[in-house]
Protein backbone atom coordinates (compact mmCIF):
# COMPACT_ATOMS: atom_id res chain seq x y z
CA MET A 1 27.41 -19.00 -41.08
CA ASN A 2 24.05 -20.71 -41.26
CA ALA A 3 24.36 -21.74 -37.59
CA ALA A 4 25.12 -18.13 -36.58
CA VAL A 5 22.03 -16.91 -38.43
CA GLN A 6 19.97 -19.66 -36.82
CA ASN A 7 21.27 -18.71 -33.34
CA LYS A 8 20.51 -15.04 -33.97
CA TRP A 9 17.04 -16.01 -35.19
CA ASN A 10 16.43 -18.08 -32.06
CA GLU A 11 17.59 -15.18 -29.86
CA LEU A 12 15.27 -12.76 -31.63
CA GLU A 13 12.41 -15.23 -31.43
CA GLY A 14 12.99 -15.61 -27.67
CA GLU A 15 13.07 -11.85 -27.20
CA VAL A 16 9.86 -11.43 -29.18
CA HIS A 17 8.24 -14.14 -27.06
CA GLU A 18 9.36 -12.37 -23.85
CA LEU A 19 8.03 -9.07 -25.19
CA LEU A 20 4.68 -10.67 -25.97
CA ILE A 21 4.46 -12.11 -22.46
CA SER A 22 5.37 -8.73 -21.00
CA TYR A 23 2.80 -7.03 -23.23
CA GLU A 24 0.03 -9.39 -22.09
CA LYS A 25 0.95 -8.82 -18.42
CA GLN A 26 0.92 -5.05 -18.94
CA LYS A 27 -2.40 -5.31 -20.77
CA ALA A 28 -3.94 -7.29 -17.89
CA GLN A 29 -2.56 -4.83 -15.34
CA LEU A 30 -3.97 -1.91 -17.33
CA ALA A 31 -7.41 -3.56 -17.35
CA LYS A 32 -7.26 -4.03 -13.57
CA LEU A 33 -6.19 -0.42 -13.07
CA LYS A 34 -9.01 0.84 -15.30
CA GLU A 35 -11.52 -1.16 -13.26
CA GLU A 36 -10.09 0.19 -10.02
CA ASN A 37 -10.14 3.73 -11.44
CA GLU A 38 -13.81 3.38 -12.39
CA ARG A 39 -14.61 2.02 -8.93
CA LEU A 40 -12.76 4.89 -7.25
CA GLU A 41 -14.43 7.49 -9.48
CA GLU A 42 -17.83 6.07 -8.55
CA SER A 43 -16.86 6.17 -4.88
CA ILE A 44 -15.76 9.81 -5.21
CA TYR A 45 -19.03 10.69 -6.92
CA GLN A 46 -21.06 9.01 -4.17
CA GLN A 47 -19.04 10.79 -1.51
CA GLN A 48 -19.56 14.14 -3.24
CA VAL A 49 -23.31 13.49 -3.35
CA ARG A 50 -23.26 12.57 0.33
CA ILE A 51 -21.28 15.71 1.18
CA GLN A 52 -23.83 17.83 -0.69
CA GLU A 53 -26.67 16.12 1.17
CA LEU A 54 -24.97 16.72 4.51
CA GLN A 55 -24.32 20.37 3.65
CA ASN A 56 -27.99 20.82 2.80
CA ILE A 57 -29.02 19.17 6.05
CA ASN A 58 -26.59 21.40 7.93
CA LYS A 59 -28.09 24.51 6.30
CA GLN A 60 -31.59 23.33 7.17
CA LEU A 61 -30.59 22.72 10.76
CA LYS A 62 -29.06 26.18 11.02
CA VAL A 63 -32.23 27.76 9.63
CA ALA A 64 -34.35 25.69 12.00
CA GLY A 65 -32.09 26.75 14.87
CA ALA A 66 -32.52 30.37 13.85
CA LEU A 67 -36.29 29.97 13.76
CA GLY A 68 -36.11 28.39 17.20
CA GLY A 69 -34.35 31.45 18.53
CA ASN A 70 -30.78 30.16 18.50
CA PRO A 71 -28.73 33.39 18.64
CA LYS A 72 -25.84 31.84 16.73
CA HIS A 73 -27.97 31.37 13.67
CA ARG A 74 -30.03 34.56 13.69
CA ARG A 75 -27.52 36.27 11.43
CA LEU A 76 -27.79 33.39 8.96
CA MET A 77 -31.58 33.59 9.07
CA LYS A 78 -31.50 37.32 8.32
CA PHE A 79 -29.14 36.68 5.44
CA LYS A 80 -31.40 33.96 4.03
CA LEU A 81 -34.48 36.16 4.34
CA ASN A 82 -32.70 39.03 2.59
CA GLN A 83 -31.70 36.66 -0.22
CA LEU A 84 -35.28 35.48 -0.62
CA ILE A 85 -36.60 39.05 -0.59
CA LYS A 86 -34.12 40.02 -3.30
CA GLU A 87 -35.17 37.03 -5.40
CA VAL A 88 -38.85 37.93 -5.03
CA ASP A 89 -38.12 41.56 -5.94
CA TYR A 90 -36.20 40.40 -9.00
CA CYS A 91 -39.06 38.13 -10.06
CA ILE A 92 -41.58 40.94 -9.62
CA ALA A 93 -39.41 43.24 -11.73
CA GLU A 94 -39.11 40.60 -14.45
CA VAL A 95 -42.87 40.02 -14.48
CA SER A 96 -43.44 43.79 -14.67
CA LYS A 97 -41.05 44.04 -17.63
CA ALA A 98 -42.83 41.18 -19.38
CA ASN A 99 -46.23 42.87 -18.94
CA LEU A 100 -45.05 46.12 -20.51
């Protein structure tokens, strides 16, 4: 009976050892994946910033084209001017309220 218990103990000890090895491999893989995730998140952020910059440049080019007489962008220019006029009117109204 003592030999059977010893064999069972050895089996369990081997299984625990295998589980520990598997755990360490999984732990190392998780660390690598976390690093890759951080790198990818940083890349996404940089790409989003670049997209925003390019969109701003595109808007500026459209406005410049409208100022240069480009018929395609005249509508955009009118829209932008109307937005600015509304903002100025709003600011004037707010200043008037504050002075009352």
